[in-house]
Amino acid sequence: MSNIERTLSIIKPDAVERNLVEKIKNIFLKNNLSIKESKKIRINKDEASEFYKVHQSKPFYNELCSYLSSGPIVVMILEGENAVLANRKLMGSTNPKDADENTIRKLYGISIDKNSVHGSDSVENAKKEIDFFFKN
């Protein structure tokens, strides 16, 4: 029985700035994730704070919000078999130094902060995160 899910993916400012959008999208497509919607946007610090509210008690919260709002980002709805887990495997560990070979963060991440991509960590959060950026 198939388990088709949707998840949110964000290509972060460092990757957009380095023109990696198409390369990263191709990684998803080659790994059986379809891109249902995609848009390039800029969010302000308040929107970033709202988006990352789940992390507000953590020491890196402010830097995270400043960074996400520092330049254009590409937000996408990915769909596929176990999309949440599939996307997280493709992204690799948060710290690019610890990420597995050929994962997006190993290939393109600069640092633990500038790690090129964000992906939802659960089906529940995917729904919330998709609604955040794609309110229809």
N, C-alpha and C. Protein backbone atom coordinates (compact mmCIF):
# COMPACT_ATOMS: atom_id res chain seq x y z
N MET A 1 0.84 -1.19 0.00
CA MET A 1 0.00 0.00 0.00
C MET A 1 0.88 1.26 0.00
N SER A 2 0.56 2.18 -0.87
CA SER A 2 1.42 3.37 -0.97
C SER A 2 1.03 4.42 0.07
N ASN A 3 2.00 5.20 0.45
CA ASN A 3 1.80 6.24 1.44
C ASN A 3 2.25 7.57 0.85
N ILE A 4 1.38 8.17 0.03
CA ILE A 4 1.71 9.42 -0.62
C ILE A 4 1.51 10.56 0.37
N GLU A 5 2.58 11.33 0.55
CA GLU A 5 2.53 12.46 1.48
C GLU A 5 2.97 13.72 0.76
N ARG A 6 2.70 14.83 1.44
CA ARG A 6 3.22 16.12 0.99
C ARG A 6 4.10 16.67 2.08
N THR A 7 5.15 17.37 1.69
CA THR A 7 6.03 18.00 2.67
C THR A 7 6.47 19.35 2.13
N LEU A 8 6.91 20.20 3.04
CA LEU A 8 7.41 21.50 2.62
C LEU A 8 8.92 21.45 2.51
N SER A 9 9.43 22.06 1.46
CA SER A 9 10.87 22.22 1.30
C SER A 9 11.15 23.69 1.06
N ILE A 10 12.19 24.18 1.72
CA ILE A 10 12.63 25.55 1.48
C ILE A 10 14.08 25.50 1.01
N ILE A 11 14.33 26.17 -0.10
CA ILE A 11 15.70 26.39 -0.52
C ILE A 11 16.08 27.74 0.09
N LYS A 12 17.06 27.70 0.99
CA LYS A 12 17.39 28.86 1.82
C LYS A 12 18.22 29.90 1.06
N PRO A 13 18.34 31.11 1.67
CA PRO A 13 19.03 32.21 0.97
C PRO A 13 20.43 31.88 0.44
N ASP A 14 21.22 31.10 1.19
CA ASP A 14 22.58 30.82 0.72
C ASP A 14 22.57 30.05 -0.60
N ALA A 15 21.62 29.13 -0.75
CA ALA A 15 21.56 28.31 -1.97
C ALA A 15 20.94 29.10 -3.12
N VAL A 16 19.96 29.96 -2.83
CA VAL A 16 19.36 30.79 -3.88
C VAL A 16 20.42 31.75 -4.43
N GLU A 17 21.17 32.34 -3.51
CA GLU A 17 22.22 33.30 -3.87
C GLU A 17 23.28 32.65 -4.77
N ARG A 18 23.55 31.38 -4.55
CA ARG A 18 24.57 30.67 -5.34
C ARG A 18 23.98 29.95 -6.55
N ASN A 19 22.75 30.30 -6.91
CA ASN A 19 22.09 29.74 -8.11
C ASN A 19 21.98 28.22 -8.10
N LEU A 20 21.62 27.67 -6.93
CA LEU A 20 21.53 26.21 -6.81
C LEU A 20 20.09 25.69 -6.90
N VAL A 21 19.14 26.57 -7.15
CA VAL A 21 17.73 26.17 -7.12
C VAL A 21 17.44 25.00 -8.05
N GLU A 22 17.85 25.11 -9.31
CA GLU A 22 17.54 24.03 -10.27
C GLU A 22 18.26 22.73 -9.91
N LYS A 23 19.51 22.84 -9.45
CA LYS A 23 20.25 21.64 -9.06
C LYS A 23 19.54 20.92 -7.91
N ILE A 24 19.07 21.69 -6.93
CA ILE A 24 18.38 21.08 -5.78
C ILE A 24 17.04 20.51 -6.21
N LYS A 25 16.30 21.24 -7.02
CA LYS A 25 15.01 20.72 -7.52
C LYS A 25 15.21 19.41 -8.26
N ASN A 26 16.28 19.33 -9.06
CA ASN A 26 16.55 18.10 -9.82
C ASN A 26 16.83 16.91 -8.91
N ILE A 27 17.46 17.15 -7.76
CA ILE A 27 17.70 16.07 -6.80
C ILE A 27 16.36 15.50 -6.33
N PHE A 28 15.40 16.38 -6.03
CA PHE A 28 14.07 15.90 -5.60
C PHE A 28 13.41 15.10 -6.72
N LEU A 29 13.44 15.65 -7.92
CA LEU A 29 12.77 15.01 -9.06
C LEU A 29 13.38 13.64 -9.38
N LYS A 30 14.70 13.54 -9.32
CA LYS A 30 15.39 12.27 -9.60
C LYS A 30 15.09 11.22 -8.54
N ASN A 31 14.64 11.67 -7.37
CA ASN A 31 14.35 10.76 -6.27
C ASN A 31 12.84 10.60 -6.01
N ASN A 32 12.09 10.69 -7.09
CA ASN A 32 10.65 10.39 -7.06
C ASN A 32 9.82 11.31 -6.18
N LEU A 33 10.26 12.53 -6.00
CA LEU A 33 9.43 13.53 -5.33
C LEU A 33 9.00 14.53 -6.41
N SER A 34 7.69 14.74 -6.53
CA SER A 34 7.25 15.73 -7.51
C SER A 34 7.08 17.07 -6.81
N ILE A 35 7.29 18.13 -7.56
CA ILE A 35 7.15 19.49 -7.03
C ILE A 35 5.77 19.98 -7.44
N LYS A 36 4.86 20.01 -6.48
CA LYS A 36 3.47 20.38 -6.76
C LYS A 36 3.30 21.88 -6.91
N GLU A 37 4.01 22.63 -6.09
CA GLU A 37 3.99 24.09 -6.19
C GLU A 37 5.36 24.60 -5.82
N SER A 38 5.73 25.72 -6.40
CA SER A 38 7.03 26.32 -6.10
C SER A 38 6.93 27.81 -6.32
N LYS A 39 7.49 28.59 -5.40
CA LYS A 39 7.54 30.03 -5.62
C LYS A 39 8.72 30.63 -4.90
N LYS A 40 9.27 31.66 -5.53
CA LYS A 40 10.39 32.40 -4.94
C LYS A 40 9.81 33.61 -4.23
N ILE A 41 10.14 33.73 -2.95
CA ILE A 41 9.57 34.80 -2.15
C ILE A 41 10.64 35.38 -1.23
N ARG A 42 10.30 36.47 -0.58
CA ARG A 42 11.10 37.01 0.53
C ARG A 42 10.17 37.11 1.72
N ILE A 43 10.64 36.74 2.88
CA ILE A 43 9.83 36.92 4.07
C ILE A 43 10.57 37.87 5.01
N ASN A 44 9.78 38.57 5.84
CA ASN A 44 10.44 39.47 6.78
C ASN A 44 10.74 38.74 8.08
N LYS A 45 11.43 39.42 8.97
CA LYS A 45 11.87 38.79 10.22
C LYS A 45 10.68 38.29 11.05
N ASP A 46 9.58 39.07 11.07
CA ASP A 46 8.39 38.65 11.84
C ASP A 46 7.81 37.36 11.29
N GLU A 47 7.74 37.26 9.97
CA GLU A 47 7.22 36.03 9.34
C GLU A 47 8.15 34.86 9.64
N ALA A 48 9.45 35.08 9.57
CA ALA A 48 10.41 34.03 9.88
C ALA A 48 10.26 33.59 11.34
N SER A 49 10.06 34.54 12.23
CA SER A 49 9.86 34.24 13.65
C SER A 49 8.62 33.38 13.86
N GLU A 50 7.58 33.71 13.12
CA GLU A 50 6.34 32.94 13.22
C GLU A 50 6.56 31.52 12.67
N PHE A 51 7.24 31.44 11.53
CA PHE A 51 7.49 30.13 10.91
C PHE A 51 8.31 29.22 11.82
N TYR A 52 9.34 29.79 12.46
CA TYR A 52 10.25 29.00 13.30
C TYR A 52 9.85 29.00 14.77
N LYS A 53 8.60 29.39 15.06
CA LYS A 53 8.13 29.48 16.45
C LYS A 53 8.45 28.24 17.28
N VAL A 54 8.41 27.08 16.65
CA VAL A 54 8.69 25.81 17.31
C VAL A 54 10.10 25.80 17.94
N HIS A 55 10.99 26.63 17.42
CA HIS A 55 12.37 26.68 17.92
C HIS A 55 12.64 27.87 18.85
N GLN A 56 11.59 28.59 19.25
CA GLN A 56 11.85 29.87 19.93
C GLN A 56 12.58 29.76 21.25
N SER A 57 12.58 28.59 21.87
CA SER A 57 13.30 28.44 23.14
C SER A 57 14.77 28.10 22.94
N LYS A 58 15.16 27.84 21.70
CA LYS A 58 16.53 27.41 21.43
C LYS A 58 17.46 28.61 21.25
N PRO A 59 18.75 28.43 21.58
CA PRO A 59 19.69 29.55 21.51
C PRO A 59 19.91 30.10 20.10
N PHE A 60 19.68 29.29 19.09
CA PHE A 60 19.94 29.73 17.71
C PHE A 60 18.73 30.39 17.04
N TYR A 61 17.63 30.54 17.77
CA TYR A 61 16.36 31.02 17.21
C TYR A 61 16.50 32.35 16.46
N ASN A 62 17.11 33.35 17.10
CA ASN A 62 17.22 34.67 16.47
C ASN A 62 18.03 34.65 15.19
N GLU A 63 19.16 33.92 15.23
CA GLU A 63 20.00 33.83 14.03
C GLU A 63 19.24 33.14 12.89
N LEU A 64 18.49 32.10 13.26
CA LEU A 64 17.70 31.36 12.28
C LEU A 64 16.71 32.28 11.58
N CYS A 65 16.00 33.08 12.37
CA CYS A 65 14.99 34.00 11.83
C CYS A 65 15.64 35.08 10.97
N SER A 66 16.75 35.62 11.45
CA SER A 66 17.47 36.66 10.67
C SER A 66 17.94 36.09 9.35
N TYR A 67 18.47 34.87 9.41
CA TYR A 67 19.00 34.24 8.21
C TYR A 67 17.91 33.95 7.18
N LEU A 68 16.80 33.36 7.62
CA LEU A 68 15.74 33.00 6.66
C LEU A 68 15.16 34.24 5.99
N SER A 69 15.20 35.36 6.68
CA SER A 69 14.65 36.59 6.12
C SER A 69 15.72 37.46 5.45
N SER A 70 16.94 36.92 5.29
CA SER A 70 18.06 37.72 4.77
C SER A 70 18.11 37.82 3.25
N GLY A 71 17.32 37.03 2.56
CA GLY A 71 17.34 37.05 1.10
C GLY A 71 16.21 36.21 0.55
N PRO A 72 16.09 36.15 -0.77
CA PRO A 72 15.02 35.34 -1.37
C PRO A 72 15.15 33.86 -1.01
N ILE A 73 14.02 33.22 -0.87
CA ILE A 73 13.96 31.77 -0.64
C ILE A 73 13.00 31.16 -1.67
N VAL A 74 13.12 29.87 -1.88
CA VAL A 74 12.18 29.16 -2.75
C VAL A 74 11.45 28.15 -1.88
N VAL A 75 10.12 28.31 -1.81
CA VAL A 75 9.31 27.37 -1.03
C VAL A 75 8.58 26.44 -2.00
N MET A 76 8.57 25.16 -1.64
CA MET A 76 7.97 24.15 -2.52
C MET A 76 7.14 23.15 -1.74
N ILE A 77 6.11 22.66 -2.39
CA ILE A 77 5.37 21.52 -1.85
C ILE A 77 5.87 20.31 -2.64
N LEU A 78 6.49 19.38 -1.91
CA LEU A 78 6.95 18.13 -2.53
C LEU A 78 5.92 17.05 -2.24
N GLU A 79 5.71 16.18 -3.20
CA GLU A 79 4.76 15.08 -3.00
C GLU A 79 5.40 13.78 -3.48
N GLY A 80 5.13 12.72 -2.70
CA GLY A 80 5.65 11.41 -3.10
C GLY A 80 5.48 10.40 -1.98
N GLU A 81 5.94 9.20 -2.26
CA GLU A 81 5.91 8.10 -1.30
C GLU A 81 6.72 8.49 -0.05
N ASN A 82 6.07 8.48 1.11
CA ASN A 82 6.75 8.86 2.37
C ASN A 82 7.60 10.12 2.19
N ALA A 83 6.98 11.16 1.64
CA ALA A 83 7.71 12.37 1.24
C ALA A 83 8.48 13.03 2.39
N VAL A 84 7.92 13.03 3.59
CA VAL A 84 8.60 13.70 4.71
C VAL A 84 9.96 13.05 4.96
N LEU A 85 9.95 11.72 5.11
CA LEU A 85 11.20 10.99 5.37
C LEU A 85 12.12 11.03 4.16
N ALA A 86 11.55 10.87 2.97
CA ALA A 86 12.36 10.89 1.75
C ALA A 86 13.11 12.21 1.62
N ASN A 87 12.41 13.31 1.88
CA ASN A 87 13.04 14.63 1.79
C ASN A 87 14.13 14.79 2.85
N ARG A 88 13.88 14.31 4.06
CA ARG A 88 14.86 14.46 5.13
C ARG A 88 16.13 13.65 4.81
N LYS A 89 15.95 12.47 4.20
CA LYS A 89 17.11 11.67 3.80
C LYS A 89 17.92 12.39 2.72
N LEU A 90 17.22 12.99 1.76
CA LEU A 90 17.90 13.72 0.68
C LEU A 90 18.64 14.95 1.21
N MET A 91 18.07 15.59 2.23
CA MET A 91 18.71 16.79 2.79
C MET A 91 19.99 16.44 3.53
N GLY A 92 19.96 15.39 4.33
CA GLY A 92 21.12 15.04 5.14
C GLY A 92 21.10 15.75 6.48
N SER A 93 22.09 15.48 7.31
CA SER A 93 22.17 16.06 8.65
C SER A 93 22.20 17.58 8.60
N THR A 94 21.70 18.20 9.69
CA THR A 94 21.67 19.66 9.80
C THR A 94 23.05 20.25 9.58
N ASN A 95 24.06 19.62 10.15
CA ASN A 95 25.43 20.09 9.96
C ASN A 95 26.01 19.41 8.72
N PRO A 96 26.33 20.19 7.69
CA PRO A 96 26.86 19.60 6.46
C PRO A 96 28.07 18.70 6.67
N LYS A 97 28.89 18.99 7.69
CA LYS A 97 30.07 18.16 7.97
C LYS A 97 29.67 16.74 8.36
N ASP A 98 28.49 16.59 8.98
CA ASP A 98 28.02 15.29 9.44
C ASP A 98 27.10 14.60 8.43
N ALA A 99 26.73 15.31 7.37
CA ALA A 99 25.76 14.78 6.41
C ALA A 99 26.39 13.66 5.57
N ASP A 100 25.55 12.71 5.18
CA ASP A 100 26.00 11.62 4.31
C ASP A 100 26.39 12.16 2.94
N GLU A 101 27.29 11.43 2.27
CA GLU A 101 27.73 11.79 0.92
C GLU A 101 26.51 11.93 0.00
N ASN A 102 26.61 12.87 -0.92
CA ASN A 102 25.58 13.11 -1.94
C ASN A 102 24.24 13.59 -1.42
N THR A 103 24.18 13.97 -0.13
CA THR A 103 22.95 14.62 0.34
C THR A 103 23.08 16.11 -0.02
N ILE A 104 21.94 16.80 -0.05
CA ILE A 104 21.94 18.21 -0.45
C ILE A 104 22.86 19.03 0.46
N ARG A 105 22.78 18.78 1.76
CA ARG A 105 23.60 19.57 2.68
C ARG A 105 25.09 19.26 2.57
N LYS A 106 25.42 18.01 2.27
CA LYS A 106 26.83 17.66 2.05
C LYS A 106 27.36 18.33 0.79
N LEU A 107 26.53 18.32 -0.25
CA LEU A 107 26.94 18.89 -1.53
C LEU A 107 27.02 20.41 -1.51
N TYR A 108 26.02 21.05 -0.84
CA TYR A 108 25.89 22.50 -0.99
C TYR A 108 25.90 23.30 0.31
N GLY A 109 25.72 22.64 1.45
CA GLY A 109 25.68 23.38 2.71
C GLY A 109 27.03 24.02 3.01
N ILE A 110 26.98 25.22 3.57
CA ILE A 110 28.20 25.96 3.92
C ILE A 110 28.53 25.74 5.39
N SER A 111 27.49 25.74 6.22
CA SER A 111 27.68 25.63 7.67
C SER A 111 26.40 25.10 8.29
N ILE A 112 26.43 24.91 9.60
CA ILE A 112 25.23 24.42 10.29
C ILE A 112 24.07 25.40 10.14
N ASP A 113 24.39 26.69 10.01
CA ASP A 113 23.33 27.70 9.81
C ASP A 113 22.95 27.82 8.34
N LYS A 114 23.96 27.92 7.49
CA LYS A 114 23.73 28.07 6.06
C LYS A 114 23.78 26.70 5.41
N ASN A 115 22.76 25.89 5.70
CA ASN A 115 22.79 24.51 5.22
C ASN A 115 21.87 24.28 4.02
N SER A 116 21.53 25.35 3.33
CA SER A 116 20.89 25.34 2.00
C SER A 116 19.42 24.96 1.94
N VAL A 117 18.95 24.07 2.81
CA VAL A 117 17.56 23.62 2.69
C VAL A 117 16.90 23.40 4.06
N HIS A 118 15.58 23.49 4.04
CA HIS A 118 14.75 23.14 5.19
C HIS A 118 13.72 22.15 4.70
N GLY A 119 13.38 21.19 5.54
CA GLY A 119 12.30 20.27 5.22
C GLY A 119 11.50 19.96 6.47
N SER A 120 10.21 19.78 6.30
CA SER A 120 9.34 19.46 7.44
C SER A 120 9.83 18.19 8.13
N ASP A 121 9.65 18.13 9.46
CA ASP A 121 10.15 16.97 10.21
C ASP A 121 9.06 15.95 10.55
N SER A 122 7.81 16.24 10.20
CA SER A 122 6.72 15.29 10.44
C SER A 122 5.56 15.63 9.51
N VAL A 123 4.65 14.69 9.35
CA VAL A 123 3.47 14.92 8.50
C VAL A 123 2.64 16.08 9.07
N GLU A 124 2.53 16.13 10.41
CA GLU A 124 1.75 17.19 11.07
C GLU A 124 2.38 18.55 10.79
N ASN A 125 3.70 18.65 10.98
CA ASN A 125 4.38 19.92 10.72
C ASN A 125 4.37 20.28 9.24
N ALA A 126 4.43 19.28 8.39
CA ALA A 126 4.37 19.53 6.95
C ALA A 126 3.07 20.26 6.61
N LYS A 127 1.97 19.79 7.15
CA LYS A 127 0.66 20.42 6.90
C LYS A 127 0.69 21.88 7.35
N LYS A 128 1.18 22.12 8.57
CA LYS A 128 1.24 23.50 9.11
C LYS A 128 2.16 24.37 8.25
N GLU A 129 3.31 23.82 7.88
CA GLU A 129 4.29 24.60 7.13
C GLU A 129 3.81 24.90 5.70
N ILE A 130 3.15 23.93 5.08
CA ILE A 130 2.58 24.16 3.74
C ILE A 130 1.52 25.26 3.83
N ASP A 131 0.65 25.16 4.84
CA ASP A 131 -0.40 26.18 5.01
C ASP A 131 0.20 27.57 5.24
N PHE A 132 1.34 27.61 5.93
CA PHE A 132 1.99 28.89 6.23
C PHE A 132 2.36 29.62 4.94
N PHE A 133 2.90 28.90 3.97
CA PHE A 133 3.37 29.52 2.74
C PHE A 133 2.39 29.45 1.58
N PHE A 134 1.48 28.50 1.61
CA PHE A 134 0.55 28.30 0.49
C PHE A 134 -0.88 28.36 0.98
N LYS A 135 -1.26 29.48 1.56
CA LYS A 135 -2.64 29.65 2.02
C LYS A 135 -3.50 29.90 0.78
N ASN A 136 -4.34 28.93 0.46
CA ASN A 136 -5.16 29.11 -0.75
C ASN A 136 -6.51 29.69 -0.39
